[in-house]
Amino acid sequence: MGFKIRKKRKHVKAEKFLKEIKEIHEKVKVALKIYADRNRKRVVKYKVGDKMLLSIKKLIEKFVEQ
């Protein structure tokens, strides 16, 4: 009654499959990023002193309700 020790072997097919899966994963990751970024708007960076238009519509509605 002993344990059979498995010999360490190279699993060529498994390693090849893993390499292919990793390559596919990278391609899919890039494609999904391109798809997600397609509809994103660019971030506007404001600096001190920049002028902008603000809407007070919501403020007026809030005070009119009271």
C-alpha atoms as a PDB file:
ATOM      1  CA  MET A   1       0.000   0.000   0.000  1.00  0.00           C
ATOM      2  CA  GLY A   2       1.931   2.930  -1.229  1.00  0.00           C
ATOM      3  CA  PHE A   3       1.318   6.010  -3.190  1.00  0.00           C
ATOM      4  CA  LYS A   4       2.105   6.130  -6.842  1.00  0.00           C
ATOM      5  CA  ILE A   5       4.087   9.251  -7.552  1.00  0.00           C
ATOM      6  CA  ARG A   6       3.197  10.854 -10.850  1.00  0.00           C
ATOM      7  CA  LYS A   7       6.067  11.799 -13.015  1.00  0.00           C
ATOM      8  CA  LYS A   8       6.285  15.381 -14.084  1.00  0.00           C
ATOM      9  CA  ARG A   9       5.812  15.528 -17.820  1.00  0.00           C
ATOM     10  CA  LYS A  10       5.366  18.228 -20.352  1.00  0.00           C
ATOM     11  CA  HIS A  11       1.805  18.580 -21.440  1.00  0.00           C
ATOM     12  CA  VAL A  12       2.395  19.993 -24.883  1.00  0.00           C
ATOM     13  CA  LYS A  13      -1.241  20.070 -25.978  1.00  0.00           C
ATOM     14  CA  ALA A  14      -2.389  21.677 -22.732  1.00  0.00           C
ATOM     15  CA  GLU A  15       0.348  24.310 -22.920  1.00  0.00           C
ATOM     16  CA  LYS A  16      -0.513  25.049 -26.563  1.00  0.00           C
ATOM     17  CA  PHE A  17      -4.198  25.355 -25.684  1.00  0.00           C
ATOM     18  CA  LEU A  18      -3.403  27.688 -22.780  1.00  0.00           C
ATOM     19  CA  LYS A  19      -1.243  29.875 -25.019  1.00  0.00           C
ATOM     20  CA  GLU A  20      -4.050  30.129 -27.607  1.00  0.00           C
ATOM     21  CA  ILE A  21      -6.603  30.996 -24.930  1.00  0.00           C
ATOM     22  CA  LYS A  22      -4.355  33.744 -23.541  1.00  0.00           C
ATOM     23  CA  GLU A  23      -3.915  35.225 -27.028  1.00  0.00           C
ATOM     24  CA  ILE A  24      -7.680  35.162 -27.633  1.00  0.00           C
ATOM     25  CA  HIS A  25      -8.269  36.749 -24.233  1.00  0.00           C
ATOM     26  CA  GLU A  26      -5.908  39.628 -25.054  1.00  0.00           C
ATOM     27  CA  LYS A  27      -7.604  40.216 -28.420  1.00  0.00           C
ATOM     28  CA  VAL A  28     -11.052  40.219 -26.818  1.00  0.00           C
ATOM     29  CA  LYS A  29      -9.885  42.577 -24.069  1.00  0.00           C
ATOM     30  CA  VAL A  30      -8.609  45.076 -26.655  1.00  0.00           C
ATOM     31  CA  ALA A  31     -11.806  44.774 -28.721  1.00  0.00           C
ATOM     32  CA  LEU A  32     -14.013  45.362 -25.663  1.00  0.00           C
ATOM     33  CA  LYS A  33     -11.990  48.410 -24.654  1.00  0.00           C
ATOM     34  CA  ILE A  34     -12.370  49.887 -28.146  1.00  0.00           C
ATOM     35  CA  TYR A  35     -16.106  49.179 -28.052  1.00  0.00           C
ATOM     36  CA  ALA A  36     -16.514  50.720 -24.580  1.00  0.00           C
ATOM     37  CA  ASP A  37     -14.454  53.809 -25.415  1.00  0.00           C
ATOM     38  CA  ARG A  38     -16.359  54.424 -28.635  1.00  0.00           C
ATOM     39  CA  ASN A  39     -19.275  56.126 -26.890  1.00  0.00           C
ATOM     40  CA  ARG A  40     -17.358  57.819 -24.098  1.00  0.00           C
ATOM     41  CA  LYS A  41     -17.032  61.545 -24.114  1.00  0.00           C
ATOM     42  CA  ARG A  42     -13.706  63.202 -23.626  1.00  0.00           C
ATOM     43  CA  VAL A  43     -13.160  64.598 -20.155  1.00  0.00           C
ATOM     44  CA  VAL A  44     -13.087  68.362 -20.041  1.00  0.00           C
ATOM     45  CA  LYS A  45     -10.459  69.690 -17.652  1.00  0.00           C
ATOM     46  CA  TYR A  46     -11.434  72.998 -16.112  1.00  0.00           C
ATOM     47  CA  LYS A  47      -8.890  75.450 -14.773  1.00  0.00           C
ATOM     48  CA  VAL A  48      -9.300  78.208 -12.237  1.00  0.00           C
ATOM     49  CA  GLY A  49     -10.642  81.230 -14.061  1.00  0.00           C
ATOM     50  CA  ASP A  50     -12.460  79.325 -16.824  1.00  0.00           C
ATOM     51  CA  LYS A  51     -15.903  80.680 -17.576  1.00  0.00           C
ATOM     52  CA  MET A  52     -18.924  78.457 -18.144  1.00  0.00           C
ATOM     53  CA  LEU A  53     -22.676  78.632 -18.362  1.00  0.00           C
ATOM     54  CA  LEU A  54     -24.710  77.106 -15.558  1.00  0.00           C
ATOM     55  CA  SER A  55     -28.393  76.269 -15.519  1.00  0.00           C
ATOM     56  CA  ILE A  56     -30.412  77.215 -12.441  1.00  0.00           C
ATOM     57  CA  LYS A  57     -33.556  75.464 -13.665  1.00  0.00           C
ATOM     58  CA  LYS A  58     -33.405  72.786 -10.948  1.00  0.00           C
ATOM     59  CA  LEU A  59     -32.776  75.394  -8.255  1.00  0.00           C
ATOM     60  CA  ILE A  60     -35.805  77.424  -9.329  1.00  0.00           C
ATOM     61  CA  GLU A  61     -37.986  74.277  -9.364  1.00  0.00           C
ATOM     62  CA  LYS A  62     -36.766  73.356  -5.896  1.00  0.00           C
ATOM     63  CA  PHE A  63     -37.567  76.775  -4.395  1.00  0.00           C
ATOM     64  CA  VAL A  64     -40.931  77.068  -6.168  1.00  0.00           C
ATOM     65  CA  GLU A  65     -42.098  73.763  -4.630  1.00  0.00           C
ATOM     66  CA  GLN A  66     -41.560  75.062  -1.082  1.00  0.00           C
END
